[in-house]
Amino acid sequence: MKNMKDIKKVLISIKGTPLYSMDDDEVFELMTDGEYRQKNGICSFSYIGSALTGEEGTLTTFDVEKDRVILKRNDGINGDMIFTENQKQHFLYNTPFGSIMMGIDTHSIVNNMADDGGDLEIRYDIEVDNALVSQNLFEINVRSTPQ
């Protein structure tokens, strides 16, 4: 059971920038209320998606360790995205047309998370069938809000 005193209300800002893409993807920016906790060297923050993000009601959680970040969604459709510095991870991505195997090749994770939030930066490539589809940058800021 979660101790409610350990959970902090936060403002989460996420900016996703395509550094290279086969499509002309635009920068993705999201600012939302969420929750944050840090325990045993792992910090977690989460938020509930809205109609604006196309993920209405979906709980998105980032579990952040020293050199690994796991992005989970409770929509039951797609597997977790695991970012491990200098490693390639594979996951199954479901589309309306069927499933495809994708790879995440994480180049760097800059983790400046602390007790009350902080900054996280992830540089990574997305591959489909071992072919580069995009190079990306996540810039995330989590900061406490007044209780």
Protein backbone atom coordinates (compact mmCIF):
# COMPACT_ATOMS: atom_id res chain seq x y z
CA MET A 1 0.00 0.00 0.00
CA LYS A 2 1.34 3.44 -0.90
CA ASN A 3 1.99 5.82 1.95
CA MET A 4 0.14 8.96 0.92
CA LYS A 5 2.72 11.16 2.73
CA ASP A 6 5.37 9.91 0.27
CA ILE A 7 3.35 11.04 -2.75
CA LYS A 8 3.76 14.66 -3.81
CA LYS A 9 1.57 16.68 -6.16
CA VAL A 10 3.70 17.95 -9.05
CA LEU A 11 3.59 19.79 -12.34
CA ILE A 12 5.09 17.68 -15.14
CA SER A 13 6.45 19.25 -18.30
CA ILE A 14 7.44 16.92 -21.15
CA LYS A 15 8.98 18.07 -24.42
CA GLY A 16 9.65 15.49 -27.13
CA THR A 17 11.82 16.72 -29.98
CA PRO A 18 12.52 14.69 -33.11
CA LEU A 19 16.18 15.28 -33.99
CA TYR A 20 15.81 13.19 -37.14
CA SER A 21 12.67 11.58 -38.49
CA MET A 22 11.51 9.91 -41.69
CA ASP A 23 8.28 11.85 -41.14
CA ASP A 24 8.11 15.57 -40.50
CA ASP A 25 7.18 15.10 -36.86
CA GLU A 26 6.73 18.23 -34.82
CA VAL A 27 7.86 18.93 -31.29
CA PHE A 28 5.49 17.38 -28.73
CA GLU A 29 4.90 19.41 -25.57
CA LEU A 30 2.76 18.50 -22.58
CA MET A 31 2.27 20.21 -19.23
CA THR A 32 0.05 18.45 -16.71
CA ASP A 33 -0.56 17.83 -13.05
CA GLY A 34 0.70 14.55 -11.66
CA GLU A 35 2.15 12.70 -8.73
CA TYR A 36 5.75 12.07 -7.69
CA ARG A 37 7.49 9.85 -5.20
CA GLN A 38 11.03 8.76 -4.50
CA LYS A 39 11.89 5.56 -2.67
CA ASN A 40 14.95 3.31 -2.52
CA GLY A 41 16.81 5.23 -5.21
CA ILE A 42 13.92 5.06 -7.68
CA CYS A 43 11.75 8.05 -8.42
CA SER A 44 8.41 7.69 -10.10
CA PHE A 45 6.10 10.25 -11.58
CA SER A 46 2.78 9.72 -13.27
CA TYR A 47 -0.09 11.55 -14.87
CA ILE A 48 -3.47 10.73 -16.40
CA GLY A 49 -3.78 11.50 -20.11
CA SER A 50 -6.48 13.73 -21.51
CA ALA A 51 -8.46 13.98 -24.72
CA LEU A 52 -5.92 16.57 -25.91
CA THR A 53 -3.11 13.97 -25.84
CA GLY A 54 -5.26 11.26 -27.40
CA GLU A 55 -4.75 9.17 -24.27
CA GLU A 56 -7.80 10.09 -22.25
CA GLY A 57 -7.88 8.19 -18.95
CA THR A 58 -4.55 6.43 -19.57
CA LEU A 59 -2.18 6.44 -16.61
CA THR A 60 1.39 7.07 -17.77
CA THR A 61 4.20 6.37 -15.31
CA PHE A 62 7.95 6.99 -15.54
CA ASP A 63 10.12 4.92 -13.18
CA VAL A 64 13.55 6.54 -13.08
CA GLU A 65 16.68 4.78 -11.88
CA LYS A 66 20.32 5.93 -12.20
CA ASP A 67 20.82 4.75 -15.81
CA ARG A 68 17.42 3.32 -16.74
CA VAL A 69 13.95 4.74 -17.28
CA ILE A 70 10.80 2.66 -17.75
CA LEU A 71 7.79 4.33 -19.35
CA LYS A 72 4.57 2.41 -18.62
CA ARG A 73 1.02 3.00 -19.73
CA ASN A 74 -1.96 1.20 -18.27
CA ASP A 75 -3.86 1.09 -21.56
CA GLY A 76 -3.03 -2.61 -22.00
CA ILE A 77 -2.21 -2.04 -25.66
CA ASN A 78 1.55 -1.61 -25.79
CA GLY A 79 4.43 -2.91 -23.74
CA ASP A 80 6.69 -0.83 -21.56
CA MET A 81 9.31 1.35 -23.21
CA ILE A 82 12.62 0.73 -21.46
CA PHE A 83 15.42 3.25 -21.87
CA THR A 84 18.78 1.86 -20.70
CA GLU A 85 21.83 3.98 -21.36
CA ASN A 86 24.03 2.59 -24.16
CA GLN A 87 21.73 -0.40 -24.71
CA LYS A 88 19.10 -1.38 -27.23
CA GLN A 89 15.77 -2.68 -25.95
CA HIS A 90 12.99 -4.23 -28.03
CA PHE A 91 9.26 -4.03 -27.46
CA LEU A 92 6.07 -4.98 -29.25
CA TYR A 93 4.01 -2.03 -30.49
CA ASN A 94 0.39 -2.69 -31.38
CA THR A 95 -1.33 -0.74 -34.13
CA PRO A 96 -4.84 -1.05 -35.59
CA PHE A 97 -3.18 -2.95 -38.47
CA GLY A 98 -1.19 -5.42 -36.36
CA SER A 99 1.86 -5.61 -34.12
CA ILE A 100 5.39 -4.57 -35.02
CA MET A 101 8.67 -5.12 -33.22
CA MET A 102 10.38 -1.86 -32.37
CA GLY A 103 13.74 -1.06 -30.86
CA ILE A 104 14.85 1.73 -28.58
CA ASP A 105 18.56 2.50 -28.67
CA THR A 106 19.27 4.85 -25.76
CA HIS A 107 22.33 7.05 -26.19
CA SER A 108 22.19 9.01 -22.95
CA ILE A 109 20.17 9.60 -19.82
CA VAL A 110 20.80 12.73 -17.76
CA ASN A 111 19.06 12.18 -14.44
CA ASN A 112 18.87 15.19 -12.12
CA MET A 113 15.89 14.00 -10.09
CA ALA A 114 15.79 14.75 -6.34
CA ASP A 115 13.34 14.55 -3.44
CA ASP A 116 10.93 17.12 -4.86
CA GLY A 117 11.33 16.45 -8.59
CA GLY A 118 13.93 17.69 -11.03
CA ASP A 119 15.02 17.29 -14.63
CA LEU A 120 15.40 14.25 -16.84
CA GLU A 121 16.78 14.13 -20.39
CA ILE A 122 16.77 11.05 -22.64
CA ARG A 123 18.38 10.86 -26.11
CA TYR A 124 17.29 7.79 -28.05
CA ASP A 125 16.67 6.26 -31.47
CA ILE A 126 13.58 4.37 -32.57
CA GLU A 127 14.04 1.46 -34.97
CA VAL A 128 11.55 -0.70 -36.83
CA ASP A 129 12.89 -3.98 -38.21
CA ASN A 130 16.40 -2.75 -37.25
CA ALA A 131 16.03 0.31 -39.52
CA LEU A 132 16.38 3.78 -38.01
CA VAL A 133 13.05 5.62 -38.04
CA SER A 134 13.80 8.56 -35.76
CA GLN A 135 16.26 10.11 -33.33
CA ASN A 136 14.60 11.80 -30.39
CA LEU A 137 15.11 13.89 -27.30
CA PHE A 138 12.85 13.83 -24.22
CA GLU A 139 13.25 16.83 -21.91
CA ILE A 140 11.22 16.39 -18.74
CA ASN A 141 10.83 18.66 -15.74
CA VAL A 142 8.96 17.68 -12.59
CA ARG A 143 8.39 20.26 -9.88
CA SER A 144 6.39 20.34 -6.68
CA THR A 145 3.17 22.28 -6.44
CA PRO A 146 1.78 23.75 -3.22
CA GLN A 147 -0.15 21.13 -1.29
